[in-house]
């Protein structure tokens, strides 16, 4: 199951994007989003999110 970013909690700091080993995170409408087709559910992004906006 792919990780998801809660748009209401995301502060668009960008700390998650460079942590994704498969490049599944991108900026969309001033928030970060995760491409579920690319996500490998490693959790690297969730562990770096200061807003705790990323969950599985």
Protein backbone atom coordinates (compact mmCIF):
# COMPACT_ATOMS: atom_id res chain seq x y z
CA UNK A 1 0.00 0.00 0.00
CA UNK A 2 1.35 3.41 -0.97
CA UNK A 3 1.97 6.21 1.49
CA UNK A 4 -0.24 9.30 1.33
CA UNK A 5 0.24 12.94 2.24
CA UNK A 6 -2.57 14.66 4.11
CA UNK A 7 -3.03 17.89 2.15
CA UNK A 8 -4.47 19.69 5.18
CA UNK A 9 -1.41 18.88 7.30
CA UNK A 10 1.29 19.31 4.65
CA UNK A 11 3.25 22.55 5.06
CA UNK A 12 5.04 22.06 1.71
CA UNK A 13 8.49 22.21 3.27
CA UNK A 14 9.85 19.71 0.73
CA UNK A 15 11.84 17.62 3.20
CA UNK A 16 10.16 14.43 2.00
CA UNK A 17 10.89 14.77 -1.72
CA UNK A 18 14.67 14.15 -1.71
CA UNK A 19 14.23 11.21 0.69
CA UNK A 20 12.12 9.19 -1.79
CA UNK A 21 14.40 6.64 -3.47
CA UNK A 22 12.05 6.22 -6.45
CA UNK A 23 11.07 9.85 -7.07
CA UNK A 24 7.40 9.33 -6.25
CA UNK A 25 6.94 12.70 -4.52
CA UNK A 26 6.29 15.93 -6.39
CA UNK A 27 4.81 19.36 -5.78
CA UNK A 28 1.23 19.88 -6.92
CA UNK A 29 -0.85 22.99 -6.17
CA UNK A 30 1.49 24.17 -3.36
CA UNK A 31 1.41 20.77 -1.64
CA UNK A 32 3.44 17.59 -2.06
CA UNK A 33 1.80 14.47 -3.48
CA UNK A 34 2.89 10.85 -3.74
CA UNK A 35 2.41 8.89 -6.96
CA UNK A 36 0.90 5.63 -5.70
CA UNK A 37 2.10 3.76 -8.80
CA UNK A 38 5.73 4.66 -8.06
CA UNK A 39 5.65 4.40 -4.24
CA UNK A 40 7.40 1.31 -2.85
CA UNK A 41 6.09 1.85 0.71
CA UNK A 42 9.55 2.20 2.24
CA UNK A 43 8.50 4.92 4.72
CA UNK A 44 11.53 7.17 4.16
CA UNK A 45 9.29 10.15 3.50
CA UNK A 46 7.14 9.66 6.61
CA UNK A 47 10.14 9.56 8.91
CA UNK A 48 11.38 12.96 7.68
CA UNK A 49 8.08 14.85 7.65
CA UNK A 50 8.14 17.51 10.41
CA UNK A 51 4.36 18.00 10.14
CA UNK A 52 3.64 14.25 10.41
CA UNK A 53 1.47 14.62 7.33
CA UNK A 54 2.51 11.32 5.71
CA UNK A 55 1.00 7.97 6.58
CA UNK A 56 0.46 4.55 5.05
